[in-house]
Amino acid sequence: MAKNHIQPGTTMPWINGTAADVVSGEVVVVGAMVCVALGDIAIGAEGNLATEEVWEVAKEAPLVIDQGDIVYWDAVNSNIDLTNTNVVAGKAFAAAASAATTVLVKLGA
């Protein structure tokens, strides 16, 4: 293996510098990266975030999302939408109907 390889990059450590505790499974935006907390992370504590793979995430309703759509994280409403002025979350792993409250997202895709 190359000597400069650090890790696969599917997770990363993160210190919760926000004003609220983060719960396991919650979306966390780090710069332009949308991640998912792998455990509860108290204010000021360090925890691990997933940076890849497929996650079930809250979705704006009513909104139809097609499989393969580029999806974005709306930090104001804490859900996935199709508004390209928000942070890119990844791609829809599966379609989500208008009435659906969640969508499967491949992070970083």
PDB file of N, CA and C in Angstrom:
ATOM      1  N   MET A   1       0.845  -1.177   0.000  1.00  0.00           N
ATOM      2  CA  MET A   1       0.000   0.000   0.000  1.00  0.00           C
ATOM      3  C   MET A   1       0.893   1.245   0.000  1.00  0.00           C
ATOM      4  N   ALA A   2       0.410   2.274  -0.631  1.00  0.00           N
ATOM      5  CA  ALA A   2       1.152   3.528  -0.675  1.00  0.00           C
ATOM      6  C   ALA A   2       1.382   4.069   0.730  1.00  0.00           C
ATOM      7  N   LYS A   3       2.528   4.651   0.944  1.00  0.00           N
ATOM      8  CA  LYS A   3       2.896   5.146   2.276  1.00  0.00           C
ATOM      9  C   LYS A   3       2.090   6.364   2.716  1.00  0.00           C
ATOM     10  N   ASN A   4       1.466   7.041   1.768  1.00  0.00           N
ATOM     11  CA  ASN A   4       0.709   8.233   2.132  1.00  0.00           C
ATOM     12  C   ASN A   4      -0.789   7.961   2.316  1.00  0.00           C
ATOM     13  N   HIS A   5      -1.213   6.682   2.271  1.00  0.00           N
ATOM     14  CA  HIS A   5      -2.615   6.337   2.509  1.00  0.00           C
ATOM     15  C   HIS A   5      -2.926   6.514   3.989  1.00  0.00           C
ATOM     16  N   ILE A   6      -4.029   7.191   4.302  1.00  0.00           N
ATOM     17  CA  ILE A   6      -4.406   7.459   5.689  1.00  0.00           C
ATOM     18  C   ILE A   6      -5.515   6.506   6.149  1.00  0.00           C
ATOM     19  N   GLN A   7      -6.620   6.453   5.412  1.00  0.00           N
ATOM     20  CA  GLN A   7      -7.745   5.589   5.751  1.00  0.00           C
ATOM     21  C   GLN A   7      -8.700   5.534   4.556  1.00  0.00           C
ATOM     22  N   PRO A   8      -9.683   4.609   4.557  1.00  0.00           N
ATOM     23  CA  PRO A   8     -10.623   4.528   3.430  1.00  0.00           C
ATOM     24  C   PRO A   8     -11.477   5.793   3.252  1.00  0.00           C
ATOM     25  N   GLY A   9     -11.726   6.539   4.326  1.00  0.00           N
ATOM     26  CA  GLY A   9     -12.474   7.791   4.203  1.00  0.00           C
ATOM     27  C   GLY A   9     -13.977   7.632   4.281  1.00  0.00           C
ATOM     28  N   THR A  10     -14.456   6.494   4.731  1.00  0.00           N
ATOM     29  CA  THR A  10     -15.900   6.314   4.855  1.00  0.00           C
ATOM     30  C   THR A  10     -16.448   6.931   6.136  1.00  0.00           C
ATOM     31  N   THR A  11     -15.550   7.214   7.082  1.00  0.00           N
ATOM     32  CA  THR A  11     -15.935   7.918   8.307  1.00  0.00           C
ATOM     33  C   THR A  11     -14.877   8.972   8.616  1.00  0.00           C
ATOM     34  N   MET A  12     -15.255   9.929   9.454  1.00  0.00           N
ATOM     35  CA  MET A  12     -14.272  10.919   9.901  1.00  0.00           C
ATOM     36  C   MET A  12     -14.615  11.374  11.303  1.00  0.00           C
ATOM     37  N   PRO A  13     -13.596  11.711  12.082  1.00  0.00           N
ATOM     38  CA  PRO A  13     -13.857  12.248  13.414  1.00  0.00           C
ATOM     39  C   PRO A  13     -14.352  13.685  13.296  1.00  0.00           C
ATOM     40  N   TRP A  14     -15.179  14.094  14.245  1.00  0.00           N
ATOM     41  CA  TRP A  14     -15.743  15.446  14.229  1.00  0.00           C
ATOM     42  C   TRP A  14     -16.013  15.868  15.659  1.00  0.00           C
ATOM     43  N   ILE A  15     -15.652  17.103  15.983  1.00  0.00           N
ATOM     44  CA  ILE A  15     -15.944  17.670  17.304  1.00  0.00           C
ATOM     45  C   ILE A  15     -17.191  18.529  17.177  1.00  0.00           C
ATOM     46  N   ASN A  16     -18.171  18.244  18.002  1.00  0.00           N
ATOM     47  CA  ASN A  16     -19.442  18.967  17.963  1.00  0.00           C
ATOM     48  C   ASN A  16     -19.270  20.376  18.514  1.00  0.00           C
ATOM     49  N   GLY A  17     -19.095  21.328  17.609  1.00  0.00           N
ATOM     50  CA  GLY A  17     -18.965  22.728  17.981  1.00  0.00           C
ATOM     51  C   GLY A  17     -20.264  23.491  17.836  1.00  0.00           C
ATOM     52  N   THR A  18     -21.377  22.762  17.706  1.00  0.00           N
ATOM     53  CA  THR A  18     -22.679  23.411  17.577  1.00  0.00           C
ATOM     54  C   THR A  18     -23.238  23.709  18.966  1.00  0.00           C
ATOM     55  N   ALA A  19     -24.414  24.270  19.013  1.00  0.00           N
ATOM     56  CA  ALA A  19     -25.059  24.619  20.280  1.00  0.00           C
ATOM     57  C   ALA A  19     -26.034  23.554  20.750  1.00  0.00           C
ATOM     58  N   ALA A  20     -26.002  22.359  20.114  1.00  0.00           N
ATOM     59  CA  ALA A  20     -26.938  21.297  20.482  1.00  0.00           C
ATOM     60  C   ALA A  20     -26.259  19.935  20.384  1.00  0.00           C
ATOM     61  N   ASP A  21     -26.717  19.006  21.219  1.00  0.00           N
ATOM     62  CA  ASP A  21     -26.258  17.632  21.107  1.00  0.00           C
ATOM     63  C   ASP A  21     -26.721  17.066  19.764  1.00  0.00           C
ATOM     64  N   VAL A  22     -25.939  16.166  19.203  1.00  0.00           N
ATOM     65  CA  VAL A  22     -26.289  15.491  17.959  1.00  0.00           C
ATOM     66  C   VAL A  22     -26.650  14.056  18.317  1.00  0.00           C
ATOM     67  N   VAL A  23     -27.743  13.560  17.751  1.00  0.00           N
ATOM     68  CA  VAL A  23     -28.151  12.185  18.035  1.00  0.00           C
ATOM     69  C   VAL A  23     -27.736  11.266  16.892  1.00  0.00           C
ATOM     70  N   SER A  24     -27.525  10.016  17.235  1.00  0.00           N
ATOM     71  CA  SER A  24     -27.142   9.012  16.262  1.00  0.00           C
ATOM     72  C   SER A  24     -28.121   9.012  15.082  1.00  0.00           C
ATOM     73  N   GLY A  25     -27.589   9.030  13.864  1.00  0.00           N
ATOM     74  CA  GLY A  25     -28.418   9.040  12.664  1.00  0.00           C
ATOM     75  C   GLY A  25     -28.765  10.428  12.156  1.00  0.00           C
ATOM     76  N   GLU A  26     -28.414  11.458  12.908  1.00  0.00           N
ATOM     77  CA  GLU A  26     -28.725  12.830  12.514  1.00  0.00           C
ATOM     78  C   GLU A  26     -27.765  13.302  11.425  1.00  0.00           C
ATOM     79  N   VAL A  27     -28.284  14.084  10.494  1.00  0.00           N
ATOM     80  CA  VAL A  27     -27.447  14.679   9.451  1.00  0.00           C
ATOM     81  C   VAL A  27     -26.622  15.801  10.064  1.00  0.00           C
ATOM     82  N   VAL A  28     -25.332  15.825   9.707  1.00  0.00           N
ATOM     83  CA  VAL A  28     -24.411  16.869  10.149  1.00  0.00           C
ATOM     84  C   VAL A  28     -23.720  17.406   8.913  1.00  0.00           C
ATOM     85  N   VAL A  29     -23.746  18.722   8.740  1.00  0.00           N
ATOM     86  CA  VAL A  29     -23.066  19.343   7.607  1.00  0.00           C
ATOM     87  C   VAL A  29     -21.724  19.874   8.103  1.00  0.00           C
ATOM     88  N   VAL A  30     -20.655  19.448   7.427  1.00  0.00           N
ATOM     89  CA  VAL A  30     -19.299  19.901   7.743  1.00  0.00           C
ATOM     90  C   VAL A  30     -18.769  20.564   6.476  1.00  0.00           C
ATOM     91  N   GLY A  31     -18.721  21.886   6.484  1.00  0.00           N
ATOM     92  CA  GLY A  31     -18.332  22.600   5.268  1.00  0.00           C
ATOM     93  C   GLY A  31     -19.325  22.305   4.159  1.00  0.00           C
ATOM     94  N   ALA A  32     -18.849  21.705   3.067  1.00  0.00           N
ATOM     95  CA  ALA A  32     -19.719  21.340   1.948  1.00  0.00           C
ATOM     96  C   ALA A  32     -20.024  19.847   1.933  1.00  0.00           C
ATOM     97  N   MET A  33     -19.787  19.159   3.073  1.00  0.00           N
ATOM     98  CA  MET A  33     -20.036  17.721   3.164  1.00  0.00           C
ATOM     99  C   MET A  33     -21.268  17.440   4.022  1.00  0.00           C
ATOM    100  N   VAL A  34     -22.151  16.605   3.500  1.00  0.00           N
ATOM    101  CA  VAL A  34     -23.280  16.128   4.282  1.00  0.00           C
ATOM    102  C   VAL A  34     -22.892  14.761   4.824  1.00  0.00           C
ATOM    103  N   CYS A  35     -22.964  14.603   6.149  1.00  0.00           N
ATOM    104  CA  CYS A  35     -22.559  13.375   6.824  1.00  0.00           C
ATOM    105  C   CYS A  35     -23.693  12.914   7.735  1.00  0.00           C
ATOM    106  N   VAL A  36     -23.523  11.728   8.321  1.00  0.00           N
ATOM    107  CA  VAL A  36     -24.496  11.195   9.270  1.00  0.00           C
ATOM    108  C   VAL A  36     -23.749  10.775  10.538  1.00  0.00           C
ATOM    109  N   ALA A  37     -24.266  11.207  11.685  1.00  0.00           N
ATOM    110  CA  ALA A  37     -23.646  10.852  12.963  1.00  0.00           C
ATOM    111  C   ALA A  37     -23.803   9.358  13.230  1.00  0.00           C
ATOM    112  N   LEU A  38     -22.702   8.701  13.576  1.00  0.00           N
ATOM    113  CA  LEU A  38     -22.727   7.264  13.836  1.00  0.00           C
ATOM    114  C   LEU A  38     -23.049   6.938  15.293  1.00  0.00           C
ATOM    115  N   GLY A  39     -23.156   7.947  16.114  1.00  0.00           N
ATOM    116  CA  GLY A  39     -23.529   7.793  17.519  1.00  0.00           C
ATOM    117  C   GLY A  39     -23.916   9.151  18.061  1.00  0.00           C
ATOM    118  N   ASP A  40     -24.408   9.186  19.281  1.00  0.00           N
ATOM    119  CA  ASP A  40     -24.730  10.462  19.917  1.00  0.00           C
ATOM    120  C   ASP A  40     -23.431  11.237  20.151  1.00  0.00           C
ATOM    121  N   ILE A  41     -23.464  12.562  19.906  1.00  0.00           N
ATOM    122  CA  ILE A  41     -22.288  13.405  20.107  1.00  0.00           C
ATOM    123  C   ILE A  41     -22.719  14.638  20.901  1.00  0.00           C
ATOM    124  N   ALA A  42     -22.293  14.711  22.137  1.00  0.00           N
ATOM    125  CA  ALA A  42     -22.644  15.844  22.997  1.00  0.00           C
ATOM    126  C   ALA A  42     -21.904  17.101  22.546  1.00  0.00           C
ATOM    127  N   ILE A  43     -22.405  18.248  22.954  1.00  0.00           N
ATOM    128  CA  ILE A  43     -21.742  19.519  22.654  1.00  0.00           C
ATOM    129  C   ILE A  43     -20.308  19.447  23.169  1.00  0.00           C
ATOM    130  N   GLY A  44     -19.341  19.770  22.319  1.00  0.00           N
ATOM    131  CA  GLY A  44     -17.940  19.775  22.693  1.00  0.00           C
ATOM    132  C   GLY A  44     -17.256  18.421  22.623  1.00  0.00           C
ATOM    133  N   ALA A  45     -18.017  17.360  22.431  1.00  0.00           N
ATOM    134  CA  ALA A  45     -17.442  16.013  22.372  1.00  0.00           C
ATOM    135  C   ALA A  45     -17.063  15.650  20.940  1.00  0.00           C
ATOM    136  N   GLU A  46     -16.196  14.640  20.826  1.00  0.00           N
ATOM    137  CA  GLU A  46     -15.809  14.137  19.511  1.00  0.00           C
ATOM    138  C   GLU A  46     -16.568  12.846  19.226  1.00  0.00           C
ATOM    139  N   GLY A  47     -16.997  12.707  17.988  1.00  0.00           N
ATOM    140  CA  GLY A  47     -17.679  11.496  17.543  1.00  0.00           C
ATOM    141  C   GLY A  47     -17.316  11.224  16.101  1.00  0.00           C
ATOM    142  N   ASN A  48     -17.869  10.155  15.559  1.00  0.00           N
ATOM    143  CA  ASN A  48     -17.590   9.795  14.167  1.00  0.00           C
ATOM    144  C   ASN A  48     -18.792  10.041  13.286  1.00  0.00           C
ATOM    145  N   LEU A  49     -18.498  10.508  12.079  1.00  0.00           N
ATOM    146  CA  LEU A  49     -19.518  10.760  11.071  1.00  0.00           C
ATOM    147  C   LEU A  49     -19.281   9.867   9.868  1.00  0.00           C
ATOM    148  N   ALA A  50     -20.368   9.350   9.292  1.00  0.00           N
ATOM    149  CA  ALA A  50     -20.283   8.630   8.026  1.00  0.00           C
ATOM    150  C   ALA A  50     -20.234   9.651   6.899  1.00  0.00           C
ATOM    151  N   THR A  51     -19.336   9.426   5.946  1.00  0.00           N
ATOM    152  CA  THR A  51     -19.202  10.340   4.813  1.00  0.00           C
ATOM    153  C   THR A  51     -19.664   9.698   3.511  1.00  0.00           C
ATOM    154  N   GLU A  52     -20.006   8.412   3.571  1.00  0.00           N
ATOM    155  CA  GLU A  52     -20.418   7.668   2.382  1.00  0.00           C
ATOM    156  C   GLU A  52     -21.534   6.693   2.746  1.00  0.00           C
ATOM    157  N   GLU A  53     -21.876   5.850   1.817  1.00  0.00           N
ATOM    158  CA  GLU A  53     -22.868   4.786   1.929  1.00  0.00           C
ATOM    159  C   GLU A  53     -24.288   5.338   1.794  1.00  0.00           C
ATOM    160  N   VAL A  54     -25.273   4.467   1.953  1.00  0.00           N
ATOM    161  CA  VAL A  54     -26.680   4.821   1.738  1.00  0.00           C
ATOM    162  C   VAL A  54     -27.380   4.980   3.080  1.00  0.00           C
ATOM    163  N   TRP A  55     -28.106   6.097   3.216  1.00  0.00           N
ATOM    164  CA  TRP A  55     -28.790   6.430   4.464  1.00  0.00           C
ATOM    165  C   TRP A  55     -30.224   6.848   4.173  1.00  0.00           C
ATOM    166  N   GLU A  56     -31.134   6.508   5.073  1.00  0.00           N
ATOM    167  CA  GLU A  56     -32.511   6.973   4.975  1.00  0.00           C
ATOM    168  C   GLU A  56     -32.582   8.316   5.687  1.00  0.00           C
ATOM    169  N   VAL A  57     -33.023   9.339   4.944  1.00  0.00           N
ATOM    170  CA  VAL A  57     -32.987  10.709   5.443  1.00  0.00           C
ATOM    171  C   VAL A  57     -34.351  11.368   5.213  1.00  0.00           C
ATOM    172  N   ALA A  58     -34.716  12.284   6.101  1.00  0.00           N
ATOM    173  CA  ALA A  58     -35.971  13.029   5.953  1.00  0.00           C
ATOM    174  C   ALA A  58     -35.996  13.750   4.609  1.00  0.00           C
ATOM    175  N   LYS A  59     -37.194  13.783   4.003  1.00  0.00           N
ATOM    176  CA  LYS A  59     -37.379  14.398   2.683  1.00  0.00           C
ATOM    177  C   LYS A  59     -38.490  15.434   2.743  1.00  0.00           C
ATOM    178  N   GLU A  60     -38.322  16.481   1.952  1.00  0.00           N
ATOM    179  CA  GLU A  60     -39.384  17.477   1.812  1.00  0.00           C
ATOM    180  C   GLU A  60     -40.607  16.812   1.188  1.00  0.00           C
ATOM    181  N   ALA A  61     -41.775  17.078   1.737  1.00  0.00           N
ATOM    182  CA  ALA A  61     -43.014  16.563   1.147  1.00  0.00           C
ATOM    183  C   ALA A  61     -43.951  17.736   0.921  1.00  0.00           C
ATOM    184  N   PRO A  62     -44.739  17.784  -0.117  1.00  0.00           N
ATOM    185  CA  PRO A  62     -44.760  16.818  -1.213  1.00  0.00           C
ATOM    186  C   PRO A  62     -43.670  17.132  -2.239  1.00  0.00           C
ATOM    187  N   LEU A  63     -42.885  16.159  -2.535  1.00  0.00           N
ATOM    188  CA  LEU A  63     -41.817  16.300  -3.523  1.00  0.00           C
ATOM    189  C   LEU A  63     -41.509  14.920  -4.078  1.00  0.00           C
ATOM    190  N   VAL A  64     -41.501  14.804  -5.390  1.00  0.00           N
ATOM    191  CA  VAL A  64     -41.144  13.540  -6.032  1.00  0.00           C
ATOM    192  C   VAL A  64     -39.652  13.572  -6.326  1.00  0.00           C
ATOM    193  N   ILE A  65     -38.956  12.527  -5.901  1.00  0.00           N
ATOM    194  CA  ILE A  65     -37.526  12.402  -6.193  1.00  0.00           C
ATOM    195  C   ILE A  65     -37.340  11.119  -6.987  1.00  0.00           C
ATOM    196  N   ASP A  66     -36.679  11.227  -8.112  1.00  0.00           N
ATOM    197  CA  ASP A  66     -36.423  10.067  -8.956  1.00  0.00           C
ATOM    198  C   ASP A  66     -35.090   9.436  -8.602  1.00  0.00           C
ATOM    199  N   GLN A  67     -34.990   8.129  -8.789  1.00  0.00           N
ATOM    200  CA  GLN A  67     -33.739   7.422  -8.542  1.00  0.00           C
ATOM    201  C   GLN A  67     -32.637   8.074  -9.373  1.00  0.00           C
ATOM    202  N   GLY A  68     -31.518   8.347  -8.737  1.00  0.00           N
ATOM    203  CA  GLY A  68     -30.385   8.957  -9.414  1.00  0.00           C
ATOM    204  C   GLY A  68     -30.355  10.474  -9.393  1.00  0.00           C
ATOM    205  N   ASP A  69     -31.435  11.114  -8.935  1.00  0.00           N
ATOM    206  CA  ASP A  69     -31.444  12.585  -8.841  1.00  0.00           C
ATOM    207  C   ASP A  69     -30.343  13.058  -7.898  1.00  0.00           C
ATOM    208  N   ILE A  70     -29.738  14.180  -8.230  1.00  0.00           N
ATOM    209  CA  ILE A  70     -28.847  14.851  -7.281  1.00  0.00           C
ATOM    210  C   ILE A  70     -29.747  15.482  -6.234  1.00  0.00           C
ATOM    211  N   VAL A  71     -29.440  15.224  -4.957  1.00  0.00           N
ATOM    212  CA  VAL A  71     -30.270  15.746  -3.873  1.00  0.00           C
ATOM    213  C   VAL A  71     -29.432  16.637  -2.959  1.00  0.00           C
ATOM    214  N   TYR A  72     -30.114  17.523  -2.265  1.00  0.00           N
ATOM    215  CA  TYR A  72     -29.469  18.564  -1.476  1.00  0.00           C
ATOM    216  C   TYR A  72     -30.026  18.563  -0.055  1.00  0.00           C
ATOM    217  N   TRP A  73     -29.204  18.993   0.912  1.00  0.00           N
ATOM    218  CA  TRP A  73     -29.643  19.108   2.297  1.00  0.00           C
ATOM    219  C   TRP A  73     -30.084  20.535   2.569  1.00  0.00           C
ATOM    220  N   ASP A  74     -31.333  20.684   2.987  1.00  0.00           N
ATOM    221  CA  ASP A  74     -31.906  21.974   3.370  1.00  0.00           C
ATOM    222  C   ASP A  74     -31.739  22.111   4.880  1.00  0.00           C
ATOM    223  N   ALA A  75     -30.746  22.867   5.312  1.00  0.00           N
ATOM    224  CA  ALA A  75     -30.443  23.006   6.740  1.00  0.00           C
ATOM    225  C   ALA A  75     -31.545  23.735   7.500  1.00  0.00           C
ATOM    226  N   VAL A  76     -32.277  24.604   6.830  1.00  0.00           N
ATOM    227  CA  VAL A  76     -33.350  25.348   7.494  1.00  0.00           C
ATOM    228  C   VAL A  76     -34.494  24.413   7.877  1.00  0.00           C
ATOM    229  N   ASN A  77     -34.879  23.528   6.952  1.00  0.00           N
ATOM    230  CA  ASN A  77     -36.003  22.619   7.185  1.00  0.00           C
ATOM    231  C   ASN A  77     -35.573  21.209   7.591  1.00  0.00           C
ATOM    232  N   SER A  78     -34.266  20.980   7.670  1.00  0.00           N
ATOM    233  CA  SER A  78     -33.698  19.686   8.065  1.00  0.00           C
ATOM    234  C   SER A  78     -34.245  18.529   7.243  1.00  0.00           C
ATOM    235  N   ASN A  79     -34.159  18.688   5.911  1.00  0.00           N
ATOM    236  CA  ASN A  79     -34.585  17.604   5.040  1.00  0.00           C
ATOM    237  C   ASN A  79     -33.905  17.697   3.669  1.00  0.00           C
ATOM    238  N   ILE A  80     -34.074  16.640   2.905  1.00  0.00           N
ATOM    239  CA  ILE A  80     -33.550  16.563   1.540  1.00  0.00           C
ATOM    240  C   ILE A  80     -34.528  17.232   0.596  1.00  0.00           C
ATOM    241  N   ASP A  81     -33.983  17.983  -0.362  1.00  0.00           N
ATOM    242  CA  ASP A  81     -34.817  18.560  -1.407  1.00  0.00           C
ATOM    243  C   ASP A  81     -34.044  18.561  -2.724  1.00  0.00           C
ATOM    244  N   LEU A  82     -34.578  19.243  -3.716  1.00  0.00           N
ATOM    245  CA  LEU A  82     -33.937  19.304  -5.031  1.00  0.00           C
ATOM    246  C   LEU A  82     -33.432  20.711  -5.353  1.00  0.00           C
ATOM    247  N   THR A  83     -33.305  21.554  -4.331  1.00  0.00           N
ATOM    248  CA  THR A  83     -32.902  22.943  -4.521  1.00  0.00           C
ATOM    249  C   THR A  83     -31.385  23.049  -4.583  1.00  0.00           C
ATOM    250  N   ASN A  84     -30.862  23.411  -5.757  1.00  0.00           N
ATOM    251  CA  ASN A  84     -29.409  23.384  -5.942  1.00  0.00           C
ATOM    252  C   ASN A  84     -28.665  24.536  -5.278  1.00  0.00           C
ATOM    253  N   THR A  85     -29.351  25.352  -4.484  1.00  0.00           N
ATOM    254  CA  THR A  85     -28.643  26.373  -3.714  1.00  0.00           C
ATOM    255  C   THR A  85     -28.289  25.852  -2.320  1.00  0.00           C
ATOM    256  N   ASN A  86     -28.773  24.656  -1.980  1.00  0.00           N
ATOM    257  CA  ASN A  86     -28.442  24.018  -0.707  1.00  0.00           C
ATOM    258  C   ASN A  86     -27.183  23.166  -0.883  1.00  0.00           C
ATOM    259  N   VAL A  87     -26.713  22.535   0.174  1.00  0.00           N
ATOM    260  CA  VAL A  87     -25.501  21.722   0.151  1.00  0.00           C
ATOM    261  C   VAL A  87     -25.792  20.376  -0.524  1.00  0.00           C
ATOM    262  N   VAL A  88     -24.975  19.980  -1.490  1.00  0.00           N
ATOM    263  CA  VAL A  88     -25.153  18.693  -2.164  1.00  0.00           C
ATOM    264  C   VAL A  88     -24.978  17.568  -1.148  1.00  0.00           C
ATOM    265  N   ALA A  89     -25.986  16.702  -1.057  1.00  0.00           N
ATOM    266  CA  ALA A  89     -25.918  15.560  -0.145  1.00  0.00           C
ATOM    267  C   ALA A  89     -25.423  14.313  -0.863  1.00  0.00           C
ATOM    268  N   GLY A  90     -25.801  14.164  -2.117  1.00  0.00           N
ATOM    269  CA  GLY A  90     -25.431  12.982  -2.896  1.00  0.00           C
ATOM    270  C   GLY A  90     -26.477  12.730  -3.957  1.00  0.00           C
ATOM    271  N   LYS A  91     -26.792  11.434  -4.166  1.00  0.00           N
ATOM    272  CA  LYS A  91     -27.786  11.053  -5.173  1.00  0.00           C
ATOM    273  C   LYS A  91     -28.826  10.138  -4.550  1.00  0.00           C
ATOM    274  N   ALA A  92     -30.047  10.247  -5.084  1.00  0.00           N
ATOM    275  CA  ALA A  92     -31.123   9.385  -4.603  1.00  0.00           C
ATOM    276  C   ALA A  92     -30.816   7.947  -4.992  1.00  0.00           C
ATOM    277  N   PHE A  93     -30.737   7.079  -4.008  1.00  0.00           N
ATOM    278  CA  PHE A  93     -30.443   5.668  -4.232  1.00  0.00           C
ATOM    279  C   PHE A  93     -31.691   4.949  -4.742  1.00  0.00           C
ATOM    280  N   ALA A  94     -32.841   5.473  -4.357  1.00  0.00           N
ATOM    281  CA  ALA A  94     -34.132   4.938  -4.802  1.00  0.00           C
ATOM    282  C   ALA A  94     -35.086   6.113  -4.971  1.00  0.00           C
ATOM    283  N   ALA A  95     -36.120   5.910  -5.785  1.00  0.00           N
ATOM    284  CA  ALA A  95     -37.132   6.947  -5.978  1.00  0.00           C
ATOM    285  C   ALA A  95     -37.931   7.125  -4.691  1.00  0.00           C
ATOM    286  N   ALA A  96     -38.484   8.322  -4.505  1.00  0.00           N
ATOM    287  CA  ALA A  96     -39.354   8.608  -3.361  1.00  0.00           C
ATOM    288  C   ALA A  96     -40.587   9.339  -3.870  1.00  0.00           C
ATOM    289  N   ALA A  97     -41.744   8.797  -3.559  1.00  0.00           N
ATOM    290  CA  ALA A  97     -43.013   9.380  -3.995  1.00  0.00           C
ATOM    291  C   ALA A  97     -43.297  10.687  -3.262  1.00  0.00           C
ATOM    292  N   SER A  98     -44.235  11.427  -3.784  1.00  0.00           N
ATOM    293  CA  SER A  98     -44.620  12.717  -3.213  1.00  0.00           C
ATOM    294  C   SER A  98     -44.975  12.616  -1.732  1.00  0.00           C
ATOM    295  N   ALA A  99     -45.720  11.596  -1.353  1.00  0.00           N
ATOM    296  CA  ALA A  99     -46.181  11.452   0.023  1.00  0.00           C
ATOM    297  C   ALA A  99     -45.097  10.919   0.967  1.00  0.00           C
ATOM    298  N   ALA A 100     -44.004  10.417   0.444  1.00  0.00           N
ATOM    299  CA  ALA A 100     -42.949   9.845   1.282  1.00  0.00           C
ATOM    300  C   ALA A 100     -42.316  10.931   2.148  1.00  0.00           C
ATOM    301  N   THR A 101     -41.976  10.564   3.368  1.00  0.00           N
ATOM    302  CA  THR A 101     -41.327  11.508   4.282  1.00  0.00           C
ATOM    303  C   THR A 101     -39.814  11.281   4.358  1.00  0.00           C
ATOM    304  N   THR A 102     -39.328  10.208   3.723  1.00  0.00           N
ATOM    305  CA  THR A 102     -37.898   9.916   3.703  1.00  0.00           C
ATOM    306  C   THR A 102     -37.476   9.523   2.291  1.00  0.00           C
ATOM    307  N   VAL A 103     -36.163   9.548   2.088  1.00  0.00           N
ATOM    308  CA  VAL A 103     -35.567   9.112   0.821  1.00  0.00           C
ATOM    309  C   VAL A 103     -34.235   8.444   1.140  1.00  0.00           C
ATOM    310  N   LEU A 104     -33.865   7.443   0.341  1.00  0.00           N
ATOM    311  CA  LEU A 104     -32.564   6.805   0.500  1.00  0.00           C
ATOM    312  C   LEU A 104     -31.535   7.606  -0.283  1.00  0.00           C
ATOM    313  N   VAL A 105     -30.472   8.041   0.399  1.00  0.00           N
ATOM    314  CA  VAL A 105     -29.468   8.902  -0.210  1.00  0.00           C
ATOM    315  C   VAL A 105     -28.098   8.230  -0.149  1.00  0.00           C
ATOM    316  N   LYS A 106     -27.419   8.173  -1.282  1.00  0.00           N
ATOM    317  CA  LYS A 106     -26.022   7.730  -1.345  1.00  0.00           C
ATOM    318  C   LYS A 106     -25.207   8.980  -1.114  1.00  0.00           C
ATOM    319  N   LEU A 107     -24.622   9.102   0.096  1.00  0.00           N
ATOM    320  CA  LEU A 107     -23.852  10.286   0.434  1.00  0.00           C
ATOM    321  C   LEU A 107     -22.643  10.441  -0.469  1.00  0.00           C
ATOM    322  N   GLY A 108     -22.351  11.659  -0.824  1.00  0.00           N
ATOM    323  CA  GLY A 108     -21.142  11.987  -1.568  1.00  0.00           C
ATOM    324  C   GLY A 108     -21.103  11.491  -2.988  1.00  0.00           C
ATOM    325  N   ALA A 109     -22.195  10.952  -3.487  1.00  0.00           N
ATOM    326  CA  ALA A 109     -22.199  10.410  -4.855  1.00  0.00           C
ATOM    327  C   ALA A 109     -22.341  11.516  -5.873  1.00  0.00           C
TER     328      ALA A 109
END
